[in-house]
Amino acid sequence: MATTSKRQSLMELIQKHLNIAPKSTLEKVLEFLEDEEDIRDARAEIADVKINGTISWDEYTALCK
């Protein structure tokens, strides 16, 4: 519950400042958020590989046919 409250407070603060922030600052924030998402996705993929293993390129291309 505390996390939800913190998140709401942060979202309200961001919303309040969106109209006064320079475009370059907003672009940097978006890039950071995208980088964080990419890192999260990569970690999930690495965890999946550790659990399920991988297949060779030849096996993959055979599945795609």
PDB file of N, CA and C in Angstrom:
ATOM      1  N   MET A   1       0.823  -1.190   0.000  1.00  0.00           N
ATOM      2  CA  MET A   1       0.000   0.000   0.000  1.00  0.00           C
ATOM      3  C   MET A   1       0.869   1.257   0.000  1.00  0.00           C
ATOM      4  N   ALA A   2       1.957   1.243   0.756  1.00  0.00           N
ATOM      5  CA  ALA A   2       2.841   2.401   0.791  1.00  0.00           C
ATOM      6  C   ALA A   2       3.446   2.657  -0.586  1.00  0.00           C
ATOM      7  N   THR A   3       3.763   1.590  -1.314  1.00  0.00           N
ATOM      8  CA  THR A   3       4.326   1.731  -2.652  1.00  0.00           C
ATOM      9  C   THR A   3       3.330   2.397  -3.585  1.00  0.00           C
ATOM     10  N   THR A   4       2.061   2.009  -3.491  1.00  0.00           N
ATOM     11  CA  THR A   4       1.022   2.619  -4.323  1.00  0.00           C
ATOM     12  C   THR A   4       0.902   4.104  -4.014  1.00  0.00           C
ATOM     13  N   SER A   5       0.933   4.452  -2.753  1.00  0.00           N
ATOM     14  CA  SER A   5       0.838   5.848  -2.342  1.00  0.00           C
ATOM     15  C   SER A   5       2.031   6.648  -2.852  1.00  0.00           C
ATOM     16  N   LYS A   6       3.229   6.067  -2.740  1.00  0.00           N
ATOM     17  CA  LYS A   6       4.429   6.741  -3.238  1.00  0.00           C
ATOM     18  C   LYS A   6       4.341   6.933  -4.747  1.00  0.00           C
ATOM     19  N   ARG A   7       3.877   5.891  -5.420  1.00  0.00           N
ATOM     20  CA  ARG A   7       3.766   5.958  -6.880  1.00  0.00           C
ATOM     21  C   ARG A   7       2.770   7.050  -7.279  1.00  0.00           C
ATOM     22  N   GLN A   8       1.638   7.112  -6.599  1.00  0.00           N
ATOM     23  CA  GLN A   8       0.640   8.139  -6.911  1.00  0.00           C
ATOM     24  C   GLN A   8       1.208   9.533  -6.675  1.00  0.00           C
ATOM     25  N   SER A   9       1.933   9.704  -5.586  1.00  0.00           N
ATOM     26  CA  SER A   9       2.541  11.003  -5.300  1.00  0.00           C
ATOM     27  C   SER A   9       3.540  11.387  -6.377  1.00  0.00           C
ATOM     28  N   LEU A  10       4.334  10.416  -6.794  1.00  0.00           N
ATOM     29  CA  LEU A  10       5.312  10.673  -7.843  1.00  0.00           C
ATOM     30  C   LEU A  10       4.621  11.024  -9.154  1.00  0.00           C
ATOM     31  N   MET A  11       3.572  10.286  -9.503  1.00  0.00           N
ATOM     32  CA  MET A  11       2.846  10.575 -10.741  1.00  0.00           C
ATOM     33  C   MET A  11       2.221  11.971 -10.704  1.00  0.00           C
ATOM     34  N   GLU A  12       1.697  12.370  -9.554  1.00  0.00           N
ATOM     35  CA  GLU A  12       1.116  13.712  -9.422  1.00  0.00           C
ATOM     36  C   GLU A  12       2.190  14.780  -9.592  1.00  0.00           C
ATOM     37  N   LEU A  13       3.361  14.539  -9.010  1.00  0.00           N
ATOM     38  CA  LEU A  13       4.464  15.491  -9.136  1.00  0.00           C
ATOM     39  C   LEU A  13       4.922  15.599 -10.583  1.00  0.00           C
ATOM     40  N   ILE A  14       5.034  14.464 -11.250  1.00  0.00           N
ATOM     41  CA  ILE A  14       5.435  14.469 -12.658  1.00  0.00           C
ATOM     42  C   ILE A  14       4.404  15.218 -13.493  1.00  0.00           C
ATOM     43  N   GLN A  15       3.138  14.912 -13.273  1.00  0.00           N
ATOM     44  CA  GLN A  15       2.067  15.566 -14.033  1.00  0.00           C
ATOM     45  C   GLN A  15       2.112  17.086 -13.848  1.00  0.00           C
ATOM     46  N   LYS A  16       2.388  17.504 -12.636  1.00  0.00           N
ATOM     47  CA  LYS A  16       2.427  18.928 -12.322  1.00  0.00           C
ATOM     48  C   LYS A  16       3.541  19.641 -13.090  1.00  0.00           C
ATOM     49  N   HIS A  17       4.638  18.937 -13.321  1.00  0.00           N
ATOM     50  CA  HIS A  17       5.793  19.569 -13.946  1.00  0.00           C
ATOM     51  C   HIS A  17       5.922  19.296 -15.445  1.00  0.00           C
ATOM     52  N   LEU A  18       5.049  18.477 -15.996  1.00  0.00           N
ATOM     53  CA  LEU A  18       5.151  18.156 -17.417  1.00  0.00           C
ATOM     54  C   LEU A  18       5.084  19.385 -18.306  1.00  0.00           C
ATOM     55  N   ASN A  19       4.223  20.288 -17.965  1.00  0.00           N
ATOM     56  CA  ASN A  19       4.019  21.455 -18.825  1.00  0.00           C
ATOM     57  C   ASN A  19       5.139  22.479 -18.723  1.00  0.00           C
ATOM     58  N   ILE A  20       5.950  22.409 -17.682  1.00  0.00           N
ATOM     59  CA  ILE A  20       7.017  23.406 -17.537  1.00  0.00           C
ATOM     60  C   ILE A  20       8.403  22.840 -17.835  1.00  0.00           C
ATOM     61  N   ALA A  21       8.506  21.525 -17.973  1.00  0.00           N
ATOM     62  CA  ALA A  21       9.810  20.907 -18.242  1.00  0.00           C
ATOM     63  C   ALA A  21      10.191  21.100 -19.701  1.00  0.00           C
ATOM     64  N   PRO A  22      11.466  21.356 -19.962  1.00  0.00           N
ATOM     65  CA  PRO A  22      11.899  21.462 -21.359  1.00  0.00           C
ATOM     66  C   PRO A  22      11.740  20.122 -22.075  1.00  0.00           C
ATOM     67  N   LYS A  23      11.500  20.188 -23.363  1.00  0.00           N
ATOM     68  CA  LYS A  23      11.293  18.969 -24.143  1.00  0.00           C
ATOM     69  C   LYS A  23      12.487  18.027 -24.026  1.00  0.00           C
ATOM     70  N   SER A  24      13.694  18.574 -23.987  1.00  0.00           N
ATOM     71  CA  SER A  24      14.894  17.735 -23.913  1.00  0.00           C
ATOM     72  C   SER A  24      14.919  16.932 -22.612  1.00  0.00           C
ATOM     73  N   THR A  25      14.439  17.510 -21.536  1.00  0.00           N
ATOM     74  CA  THR A  25      14.389  16.802 -20.255  1.00  0.00           C
ATOM     75  C   THR A  25      13.406  15.651 -20.330  1.00  0.00           C
ATOM     76  N   LEU A  26      12.245  15.896 -20.920  1.00  0.00           N
ATOM     77  CA  LEU A  26      11.244  14.846 -21.061  1.00  0.00           C
ATOM     78  C   LEU A  26      11.765  13.714 -21.941  1.00  0.00           C
ATOM     79  N   GLU A  27      12.500  14.061 -22.994  1.00  0.00           N
ATOM     80  CA  GLU A  27      13.069  13.043 -23.870  1.00  0.00           C
ATOM     81  C   GLU A  27      14.086  12.188 -23.116  1.00  0.00           C
ATOM     82  N   LYS A  28      14.887  12.822 -22.266  1.00  0.00           N
ATOM     83  CA  LYS A  28      15.866  12.077 -21.473  1.00  0.00           C
ATOM     84  C   LYS A  28      15.170  11.129 -20.500  1.00  0.00           C
ATOM     85  N   VAL A  29      14.086  11.584 -19.890  1.00  0.00           N
ATOM     86  CA  VAL A  29      13.330  10.734 -18.970  1.00  0.00           C
ATOM     87  C   VAL A  29      12.756   9.541 -19.717  1.00  0.00           C
ATOM     88  N   LEU A  30      12.184   9.777 -20.889  1.00  0.00           N
ATOM     89  CA  LEU A  30      11.632   8.682 -21.685  1.00  0.00           C
ATOM     90  C   LEU A  30      12.709   7.686 -22.093  1.00  0.00           C
ATOM     91  N   GLU A  31      13.881   8.184 -22.479  1.00  0.00           N
ATOM     92  CA  GLU A  31      14.985   7.297 -22.841  1.00  0.00           C
ATOM     93  C   GLU A  31      15.397   6.438 -21.651  1.00  0.00           C
ATOM     94  N   PHE A  32      15.469   7.064 -20.480  1.00  0.00           N
ATOM     95  CA  PHE A  32      15.837   6.323 -19.278  1.00  0.00           C
ATOM     96  C   PHE A  32      14.824   5.223 -18.989  1.00  0.00           C
ATOM     97  N   LEU A  33      13.554   5.553 -19.095  1.00  0.00           N
ATOM     98  CA  LEU A  33      12.508   4.568 -18.833  1.00  0.00           C
ATOM     99  C   LEU A  33      12.571   3.423 -19.839  1.00  0.00           C
ATOM    100  N   GLU A  34      12.840   3.747 -21.106  1.00  0.00           N
ATOM    101  CA  GLU A  34      12.974   2.710 -22.117  1.00  0.00           C
ATOM    102  C   GLU A  34      14.177   1.828 -21.834  1.00  0.00           C
ATOM    103  N   ASP A  35      15.299   2.439 -21.402  1.00  0.00           N
ATOM    104  CA  ASP A  35      16.494   1.664 -21.061  1.00  0.00           C
ATOM    105  C   ASP A  35      16.196   0.713 -19.903  1.00  0.00           C
ATOM    106  N   GLU A  36      15.493   1.198 -18.901  1.00  0.00           N
ATOM    107  CA  GLU A  36      15.136   0.358 -17.758  1.00  0.00           C
ATOM    108  C   GLU A  36      14.269  -0.816 -18.194  1.00  0.00           C
ATOM    109  N   GLU A  37      13.343  -0.555 -19.107  1.00  0.00           N
ATOM    110  CA  GLU A  37      12.467  -1.617 -19.609  1.00  0.00           C
ATOM    111  C   GLU A  37      13.286  -2.653 -20.384  1.00  0.00           C
ATOM    112  N   ASP A  38      14.234  -2.166 -21.196  1.00  0.00           N
ATOM    113  CA  ASP A  38      15.095  -3.078 -21.948  1.00  0.00           C
ATOM    114  C   ASP A  38      15.925  -3.954 -21.007  1.00  0.00           C
ATOM    115  N   ILE A  39      16.448  -3.363 -19.948  1.00  0.00           N
ATOM    116  CA  ILE A  39      17.240  -4.112 -18.967  1.00  0.00           C
ATOM    117  C   ILE A  39      16.376  -5.167 -18.291  1.00  0.00           C
ATOM    118  N   ARG A  40      15.167  -4.800 -17.915  1.00  0.00           N
ATOM    119  CA  ARG A  40      14.242  -5.747 -17.287  1.00  0.00           C
ATOM    120  C   ARG A  40      13.926  -6.907 -18.226  1.00  0.00           C
ATOM    121  N   ASP A  41      13.674  -6.576 -19.499  1.00  0.00           N
ATOM    122  CA  ASP A  41      13.384  -7.609 -20.492  1.00  0.00           C
ATOM    123  C   ASP A  41      14.573  -8.544 -20.680  1.00  0.00           C
ATOM    124  N   ALA A  42      15.775  -7.973 -20.748  1.00  0.00           N
ATOM    125  CA  ALA A  42      16.976  -8.784 -20.934  1.00  0.00           C
ATOM    126  C   ALA A  42      17.182  -9.727 -19.747  1.00  0.00           C
ATOM    127  N   ARG A  43      16.973  -9.228 -18.546  1.00  0.00           N
ATOM    128  CA  ARG A  43      17.113 -10.078 -17.362  1.00  0.00           C
ATOM    129  C   ARG A  43      16.101 -11.220 -17.384  1.00  0.00           C
ATOM    130  N   ALA A  44      14.897 -10.928 -17.833  1.00  0.00           N
ATOM    131  CA  ALA A  44      13.871 -11.977 -17.921  1.00  0.00           C
ATOM    132  C   ALA A  44      14.273 -13.025 -18.952  1.00  0.00           C
ATOM    133  N   GLU A  45      14.823 -12.586 -20.075  1.00  0.00           N
ATOM    134  CA  GLU A  45      15.270 -13.526 -21.110  1.00  0.00           C
ATOM    135  C   GLU A  45      16.418 -14.398 -20.606  1.00  0.00           C
ATOM    136  N   ILE A  46      17.352 -13.798 -19.887  1.00  0.00           N
ATOM    137  CA  ILE A  46      18.476 -14.565 -19.331  1.00  0.00           C
ATOM    138  C   ILE A  46      17.968 -15.603 -18.343  1.00  0.00           C
ATOM    139  N   ALA A  47      17.029 -15.220 -17.511  1.00  0.00           N
ATOM    140  CA  ALA A  47      16.444 -16.170 -16.554  1.00  0.00           C
ATOM    141  C   ALA A  47      15.746 -17.306 -17.293  1.00  0.00           C
ATOM    142  N   ASP A  48      15.044 -16.993 -18.370  1.00  0.00           N
ATOM    143  CA  ASP A  48      14.359 -18.017 -19.155  1.00  0.00           C
ATOM    144  C   ASP A  48      15.356 -19.003 -19.774  1.00  0.00           C
ATOM    145  N   VAL A  49      16.456 -18.473 -20.278  1.00  0.00           N
ATOM    146  CA  VAL A  49      17.480 -19.336 -20.871  1.00  0.00           C
ATOM    147  C   VAL A  49      18.065 -20.271 -19.812  1.00  0.00           C
ATOM    148  N   LYS A  50      18.284 -19.749 -18.617  1.00  0.00           N
ATOM    149  CA  LYS A  50      18.828 -20.581 -17.544  1.00  0.00           C
ATOM    150  C   LYS A  50      17.870 -21.723 -17.196  1.00  0.00           C
ATOM    151  N   ILE A  51      16.583 -21.457 -17.285  1.00  0.00           N
ATOM    152  CA  ILE A  51      15.579 -22.472 -16.944  1.00  0.00           C
ATOM    153  C   ILE A  51      15.326 -23.416 -18.112  1.00  0.00           C
ATOM    154  N   ASN A  52      15.109 -22.855 -19.300  1.00  0.00           N
ATOM    155  CA  ASN A  52      14.676 -23.644 -20.453  1.00  0.00           C
ATOM    156  C   ASN A  52      15.758 -23.963 -21.470  1.00  0.00           C
ATOM    157  N   GLY A  53      16.919 -23.350 -21.349  1.00  0.00           N
ATOM    158  CA  GLY A  53      17.979 -23.571 -22.319  1.00  0.00           C
ATOM    159  C   GLY A  53      17.711 -22.838 -23.619  1.00  0.00           C
ATOM    160  N   THR A  54      18.499 -23.162 -24.629  1.00  0.00           N
ATOM    161  CA  THR A  54      18.372 -22.505 -25.928  1.00  0.00           C
ATOM    162  C   THR A  54      18.308 -23.558 -27.030  1.00  0.00           C
ATOM    163  N   ILE A  55      18.074 -23.086 -28.251  1.00  0.00           N
ATOM    164  CA  ILE A  55      18.127 -23.974 -29.415  1.00  0.00           C
ATOM    165  C   ILE A  55      19.103 -23.364 -30.417  1.00  0.00           C
ATOM    166  N   SER A  56      19.601 -24.179 -31.333  1.00  0.00           N
ATOM    167  CA  SER A  56      20.541 -23.681 -32.338  1.00  0.00           C
ATOM    168  C   SER A  56      19.796 -22.843 -33.376  1.00  0.00           C
ATOM    169  N   TRP A  57      20.558 -22.068 -34.154  1.00  0.00           N
ATOM    170  CA  TRP A  57      19.966 -21.263 -35.212  1.00  0.00           C
ATOM    171  C   TRP A  57      19.262 -22.153 -36.240  1.00  0.00           C
ATOM    172  N   ASP A  58      19.881 -23.291 -36.555  1.00  0.00           N
ATOM    173  CA  ASP A  58      19.275 -24.210 -37.519  1.00  0.00           C
ATOM    174  C   ASP A  58      17.924 -24.739 -37.014  1.00  0.00           C
ATOM    175  N   GLU A  59      17.859 -25.057 -35.727  1.00  0.00           N
ATOM    176  CA  GLU A  59      16.588 -25.524 -35.146  1.00  0.00           C
ATOM    177  C   GLU A  59      15.534 -24.419 -35.194  1.00  0.00           C
ATOM    178  N   TYR A  60      15.977 -23.193 -34.897  1.00  0.00           N
ATOM    179  CA  TYR A  60      15.054 -22.055 -34.912  1.00  0.00           C
ATOM    180  C   TYR A  60      14.499 -21.829 -36.316  1.00  0.00           C
ATOM    181  N   THR A  61      15.375 -21.799 -37.313  1.00  0.00           N
ATOM    182  CA  THR A  61      14.909 -21.540 -38.677  1.00  0.00           C
ATOM    183  C   THR A  61      14.013 -22.671 -39.173  1.00  0.00           C
ATOM    184  N   ALA A  62      14.272 -23.895 -38.727  1.00  0.00           N
ATOM    185  CA  ALA A  62      13.420 -25.014 -39.114  1.00  0.00           C
ATOM    186  C   ALA A  62      12.021 -24.848 -38.517  1.00  0.00           C
ATOM    187  N   LEU A  63      11.949 -24.299 -37.310  1.00  0.00           N
ATOM    188  CA  LEU A  63      10.642 -24.056 -36.671  1.00  0.00           C
ATOM    189  C   LEU A  63       9.855 -22.961 -37.384  1.00  0.00           C
ATOM    190  N   CYS A  64      10.578 -22.013 -37.980  1.00  0.00           N
ATOM    191  CA  CYS A  64       9.932 -20.871 -38.626  1.00  0.00           C
ATOM    192  C   CYS A  64       9.396 -21.198 -40.017  1.00  0.00           C
ATOM    193  N   LYS A  65       9.747 -22.338 -40.552  1.00  0.00           N
ATOM    194  CA  LYS A  65       9.302 -22.686 -41.917  1.00  0.00           C
ATOM    195  C   LYS A  65       7.888 -23.172 -41.931  1.00  0.00           C
TER     196      LYS A  65
END
